[in-house]
Amino acid sequence: MPLDEKARYTMRIDRDLLEKFGYIAEYEGRTKNRELEQMIKRRVAAFEKEFGEIEL
């Protein structure tokens, strides 16, 4: 998906938690952004598996 089609989202998070998350992302060979995107995709898939597809 082209960058101009991606939504932006700003969040506030505890600094230590963000640093630990960055460590995990690096360990997995991803950026923090890509790691978060993968986590969200897995969560949405699990939700839809249990409750059905989310209609947009």
PDB file of N, CA and C in Angstrom:
ATOM      1  N   MET A   1       0.854  -1.176   0.000  1.00  0.00           N
ATOM      2  CA  MET A   1       0.000   0.000   0.000  1.00  0.00           C
ATOM      3  C   MET A   1       0.899   1.237   0.000  1.00  0.00           C
ATOM      4  N   PRO A   2       0.656   2.178  -0.894  1.00  0.00           N
ATOM      5  CA  PRO A   2       1.459   3.402  -0.928  1.00  0.00           C
ATOM      6  C   PRO A   2       1.349   4.177   0.382  1.00  0.00           C
ATOM      7  N   LEU A   3       2.420   4.884   0.732  1.00  0.00           N
ATOM      8  CA  LEU A   3       2.437   5.640   1.987  1.00  0.00           C
ATOM      9  C   LEU A   3       1.277   6.613   2.102  1.00  0.00           C
ATOM     10  N   ASP A   4       0.880   7.243   1.005  1.00  0.00           N
ATOM     11  CA  ASP A   4      -0.201   8.225   1.086  1.00  0.00           C
ATOM     12  C   ASP A   4      -1.551   7.587   1.385  1.00  0.00           C
ATOM     13  N   GLU A   5      -1.652   6.256   1.318  1.00  0.00           N
ATOM     14  CA  GLU A   5      -2.896   5.557   1.646  1.00  0.00           C
ATOM     15  C   GLU A   5      -2.888   5.030   3.080  1.00  0.00           C
ATOM     16  N   LYS A   6      -1.773   5.181   3.771  1.00  0.00           N
ATOM     17  CA  LYS A   6      -1.676   4.689   5.138  1.00  0.00           C
ATOM     18  C   LYS A   6      -2.091   5.781   6.116  1.00  0.00           C
ATOM     19  N   ALA A   7      -2.838   5.390   7.134  1.00  0.00           N
ATOM     20  CA  ALA A   7      -3.267   6.330   8.167  1.00  0.00           C
ATOM     21  C   ALA A   7      -2.113   6.579   9.135  1.00  0.00           C
ATOM     22  N   ARG A   8      -2.092   7.752   9.708  1.00  0.00           N
ATOM     23  CA  ARG A   8      -1.105   8.077  10.743  1.00  0.00           C
ATOM     24  C   ARG A   8      -1.819   8.086  12.087  1.00  0.00           C
ATOM     25  N   TYR A   9      -1.093   7.625  13.115  1.00  0.00           N
ATOM     26  CA  TYR A   9      -1.662   7.587  14.453  1.00  0.00           C
ATOM     27  C   TYR A   9      -0.558   7.946  15.441  1.00  0.00           C
ATOM     28  N   THR A  10      -0.784   8.963  16.244  1.00  0.00           N
ATOM     29  CA  THR A  10       0.177   9.372  17.263  1.00  0.00           C
ATOM     30  C   THR A  10      -0.285   8.829  18.600  1.00  0.00           C
ATOM     31  N   MET A  11       0.654   8.300  19.381  1.00  0.00           N
ATOM     32  CA  MET A  11       0.276   7.770  20.690  1.00  0.00           C
ATOM     33  C   MET A  11       1.282   8.198  21.745  1.00  0.00           C
ATOM     34  N   ARG A  12       0.830   8.203  22.971  1.00  0.00           N
ATOM     35  CA  ARG A  12       1.703   8.478  24.112  1.00  0.00           C
ATOM     36  C   ARG A  12       1.925   7.159  24.828  1.00  0.00           C
ATOM     37  N   ILE A  13       3.184   6.896  25.194  1.00  0.00           N
ATOM     38  CA  ILE A  13       3.522   5.626  25.819  1.00  0.00           C
ATOM     39  C   ILE A  13       4.701   5.833  26.762  1.00  0.00           C
ATOM     40  N   ASP A  14       4.731   5.064  27.817  1.00  0.00           N
ATOM     41  CA  ASP A  14       5.832   5.112  28.768  1.00  0.00           C
ATOM     42  C   ASP A  14       7.159   4.896  28.031  1.00  0.00           C
ATOM     43  N   ARG A  15       8.132   5.728  28.308  1.00  0.00           N
ATOM     44  CA  ARG A  15       9.419   5.684  27.611  1.00  0.00           C
ATOM     45  C   ARG A  15      10.117   4.330  27.750  1.00  0.00           C
ATOM     46  N   ASP A  16      10.143   3.774  28.956  1.00  0.00           N
ATOM     47  CA  ASP A  16      10.798   2.473  29.154  1.00  0.00           C
ATOM     48  C   ASP A  16      10.095   1.378  28.364  1.00  0.00           C
ATOM     49  N   LEU A  17       8.773   1.416  28.351  1.00  0.00           N
ATOM     50  CA  LEU A  17       8.013   0.421  27.597  1.00  0.00           C
ATOM     51  C   LEU A  17       8.321   0.531  26.106  1.00  0.00           C
ATOM     52  N   LEU A  18       8.415   1.755  25.604  1.00  0.00           N
ATOM     53  CA  LEU A  18       8.741   1.958  24.193  1.00  0.00           C
ATOM     54  C   LEU A  18      10.142   1.440  23.872  1.00  0.00           C
ATOM     55  N   GLU A  19      11.094   1.671  24.765  1.00  0.00           N
ATOM     56  CA  GLU A  19      12.452   1.170  24.540  1.00  0.00           C
ATOM     57  C   GLU A  19      12.472  -0.354  24.522  1.00  0.00           C
ATOM     58  N   LYS A  20      11.730  -0.981  25.416  1.00  0.00           N
ATOM     59  CA  LYS A  20      11.655  -2.446  25.421  1.00  0.00           C
ATOM     60  C   LYS A  20      10.985  -2.955  24.153  1.00  0.00           C
ATOM     61  N   PHE A  21       9.948  -2.261  23.718  1.00  0.00           N
ATOM     62  CA  PHE A  21       9.273  -2.636  22.482  1.00  0.00           C
ATOM     63  C   PHE A  21      10.229  -2.509  21.299  1.00  0.00           C
ATOM     64  N   GLY A  22      11.032  -1.460  21.293  1.00  0.00           N
ATOM     65  CA  GLY A  22      12.033  -1.275  20.247  1.00  0.00           C
ATOM     66  C   GLY A  22      13.042  -2.409  20.231  1.00  0.00           C
ATOM     67  N   TYR A  23      13.419  -2.882  21.405  1.00  0.00           N
ATOM     68  CA  TYR A  23      14.341  -4.021  21.507  1.00  0.00           C
ATOM     69  C   TYR A  23      13.721  -5.261  20.864  1.00  0.00           C
ATOM     70  N   ILE A  24      12.450  -5.510  21.177  1.00  0.00           N
ATOM     71  CA  ILE A  24      11.748  -6.669  20.606  1.00  0.00           C
ATOM     72  C   ILE A  24      11.653  -6.533  19.090  1.00  0.00           C
ATOM     73  N   ALA A  25      11.294  -5.362  18.614  1.00  0.00           N
ATOM     74  CA  ALA A  25      11.172  -5.136  17.171  1.00  0.00           C
ATOM     75  C   ALA A  25      12.503  -5.401  16.478  1.00  0.00           C
ATOM     76  N   GLU A  26      13.580  -4.878  17.043  1.00  0.00           N
ATOM     77  CA  GLU A  26      14.904  -5.087  16.458  1.00  0.00           C
ATOM     78  C   GLU A  26      15.267  -6.570  16.464  1.00  0.00           C
ATOM     79  N   TYR A  27      14.962  -7.251  17.536  1.00  0.00           N
ATOM     80  CA  TYR A  27      15.220  -8.692  17.635  1.00  0.00           C
ATOM     81  C   TYR A  27      14.498  -9.446  16.519  1.00  0.00           C
ATOM     82  N   GLU A  28      13.285  -9.003  16.199  1.00  0.00           N
ATOM     83  CA  GLU A  28      12.477  -9.633  15.156  1.00  0.00           C
ATOM     84  C   GLU A  28      12.851  -9.143  13.757  1.00  0.00           C
ATOM     85  N   GLY A  29      13.792  -8.197  13.673  1.00  0.00           N
ATOM     86  CA  GLY A  29      14.227  -7.682  12.381  1.00  0.00           C
ATOM     87  C   GLY A  29      13.252  -6.697  11.763  1.00  0.00           C
ATOM     88  N   ARG A  30      12.511  -6.005  12.615  1.00  0.00           N
ATOM     89  CA  ARG A  30      11.514  -5.051  12.129  1.00  0.00           C
ATOM     90  C   ARG A  30      11.741  -3.689  12.774  1.00  0.00           C
ATOM     91  N   THR A  31      11.144  -2.682  12.156  1.00  0.00           N
ATOM     92  CA  THR A  31      11.079  -1.377  12.805  1.00  0.00           C
ATOM     93  C   THR A  31       9.977  -1.448  13.866  1.00  0.00           C
ATOM     94  N   LYS A  32       9.959  -0.481  14.765  1.00  0.00           N
ATOM     95  CA  LYS A  32       8.873  -0.444  15.756  1.00  0.00           C
ATOM     96  C   LYS A  32       7.530  -0.319  15.058  1.00  0.00           C
ATOM     97  N   ASN A  33       7.485   0.494  14.014  1.00  0.00           N
ATOM     98  CA  ASN A  33       6.236   0.673  13.284  1.00  0.00           C
ATOM     99  C   ASN A  33       5.759  -0.639  12.678  1.00  0.00           C
ATOM    100  N   ARG A  34       6.665  -1.356  12.009  1.00  0.00           N
ATOM    101  CA  ARG A  34       6.294  -2.615  11.354  1.00  0.00           C
ATOM    102  C   ARG A  34       5.906  -3.671  12.399  1.00  0.00           C
ATOM    103  N   GLU A  35       6.601  -3.699  13.529  1.00  0.00           N
ATOM    104  CA  GLU A  35       6.265  -4.658  14.588  1.00  0.00           C
ATOM    105  C   GLU A  35       4.867  -4.379  15.134  1.00  0.00           C
ATOM    106  N   LEU A  36       4.561  -3.109  15.363  1.00  0.00           N
ATOM    107  CA  LEU A  36       3.236  -2.743  15.855  1.00  0.00           C
ATOM    108  C   LEU A  36       2.165  -3.105  14.832  1.00  0.00           C
ATOM    109  N   GLU A  37       2.444  -2.858  13.556  1.00  0.00           N
ATOM    110  CA  GLU A  37       1.491  -3.200  12.505  1.00  0.00           C
ATOM    111  C   GLU A  37       1.229  -4.707  12.488  1.00  0.00           C
ATOM    112  N   GLN A  38       2.271  -5.514  12.645  1.00  0.00           N
ATOM    113  CA  GLN A  38       2.106  -6.967  12.670  1.00  0.00           C
ATOM    114  C   GLN A  38       1.271  -7.402  13.878  1.00  0.00           C
ATOM    115  N   MET A  39       1.516  -6.780  15.035  1.00  0.00           N
ATOM    116  CA  MET A  39       0.748  -7.111  16.237  1.00  0.00           C
ATOM    117  C   MET A  39      -0.730  -6.770  16.050  1.00  0.00           C
ATOM    118  N   ILE A  40      -1.004  -5.618  15.457  1.00  0.00           N
ATOM    119  CA  ILE A  40      -2.391  -5.208  15.222  1.00  0.00           C
ATOM    120  C   ILE A  40      -3.065  -6.166  14.253  1.00  0.00           C
ATOM    121  N   LYS A  41      -2.369  -6.556  13.189  1.00  0.00           N
ATOM    122  CA  LYS A  41      -2.937  -7.505  12.221  1.00  0.00           C
ATOM    123  C   LYS A  41      -3.291  -8.827  12.897  1.00  0.00           C
ATOM    124  N   ARG A  42      -2.391  -9.328  13.763  1.00  0.00           N
ATOM    125  CA  ARG A  42      -2.670 -10.588  14.469  1.00  0.00           C
ATOM    126  C   ARG A  42      -3.875 -10.445  15.393  1.00  0.00           C
ATOM    127  N   ARG A  43      -3.987  -9.311  16.063  1.00  0.00           N
ATOM    128  CA  ARG A  43      -5.104  -9.090  16.986  1.00  0.00           C
ATOM    129  C   ARG A  43      -6.424  -8.992  16.238  1.00  0.00           C
ATOM    130  N   VAL A  44      -6.430  -8.267  15.121  1.00  0.00           N
ATOM    131  CA  VAL A  44      -7.649  -8.144  14.318  1.00  0.00           C
ATOM    132  C   VAL A  44      -8.055  -9.516  13.781  1.00  0.00           C
ATOM    133  N   ALA A  45      -7.090 -10.287  13.290  1.00  0.00           N
ATOM    134  CA  ALA A  45      -7.390 -11.623  12.761  1.00  0.00           C
ATOM    135  C   ALA A  45      -7.989 -12.512  13.847  1.00  0.00           C
ATOM    136  N   ALA A  46      -7.434 -12.458  15.056  1.00  0.00           N
ATOM    137  CA  ALA A  46      -7.953 -13.268  16.160  1.00  0.00           C
ATOM    138  C   ALA A  46      -9.372 -12.833  16.529  1.00  0.00           C
ATOM    139  N   PHE A  47      -9.604 -11.534  16.567  1.00  0.00           N
ATOM    140  CA  PHE A  47     -10.930 -11.012  16.886  1.00  0.00           C
ATOM    141  C   PHE A  47     -11.943 -11.465  15.846  1.00  0.00           C
ATOM    142  N   GLU A  48     -11.581 -11.316  14.564  1.00  0.00           N
ATOM    143  CA  GLU A  48     -12.503 -11.688  13.493  1.00  0.00           C
ATOM    144  C   GLU A  48     -12.743 -13.195  13.454  1.00  0.00           C
ATOM    145  N   LYS A  49     -11.761 -13.965  13.833  1.00  0.00           N
ATOM    146  CA  LYS A  49     -11.949 -15.418  13.883  1.00  0.00           C
ATOM    147  C   LYS A  49     -13.000 -15.777  14.930  1.00  0.00           C
ATOM    148  N   GLU A  50     -12.959 -15.076  16.050  1.00  0.00           N
ATOM    149  CA  GLU A  50     -13.897 -15.364  17.137  1.00  0.00           C
ATOM    150  C   GLU A  50     -15.280 -14.755  16.908  1.00  0.00           C
ATOM    151  N   PHE A  51     -15.325 -13.533  16.380  1.00  0.00           N
ATOM    152  CA  PHE A  51     -16.587 -12.796  16.315  1.00  0.00           C
ATOM    153  C   PHE A  51     -17.097 -12.521  14.904  1.00  0.00           C
ATOM    154  N   GLY A  52     -16.340 -12.887  13.893  1.00  0.00           N
ATOM    155  CA  GLY A  52     -16.739 -12.622  12.515  1.00  0.00           C
ATOM    156  C   GLY A  52     -16.066 -11.380  11.967  1.00  0.00           C
ATOM    157  N   GLU A  53     -16.105 -11.279  10.651  1.00  0.00           N
ATOM    158  CA  GLU A  53     -15.425 -10.179   9.971  1.00  0.00           C
ATOM    159  C   GLU A  53     -16.002  -8.832  10.376  1.00  0.00           C
ATOM    160  N   ILE A  54     -15.129  -7.880  10.569  1.00  0.00           N
ATOM    161  CA  ILE A  54     -15.524  -6.514  10.892  1.00  0.00           C
ATOM    162  C   ILE A  54     -15.867  -5.814   9.584  1.00  0.00           C
ATOM    163  N   GLU A  55     -17.082  -5.333   9.474  1.00  0.00           N
ATOM    164  CA  GLU A  55     -17.518  -4.622   8.273  1.00  0.00           C
ATOM    165  C   GLU A  55     -17.160  -3.149   8.408  1.00  0.00           C
ATOM    166  N   LEU A  56     -16.496  -2.608   7.411  1.00  0.00           N
ATOM    167  CA  LEU A  56     -16.126  -1.183   7.422  1.00  0.00           C
ATOM    168  C   LEU A  56     -17.007  -0.403   6.476  1.00  0.00           C
TER     169      LEU A  56
END
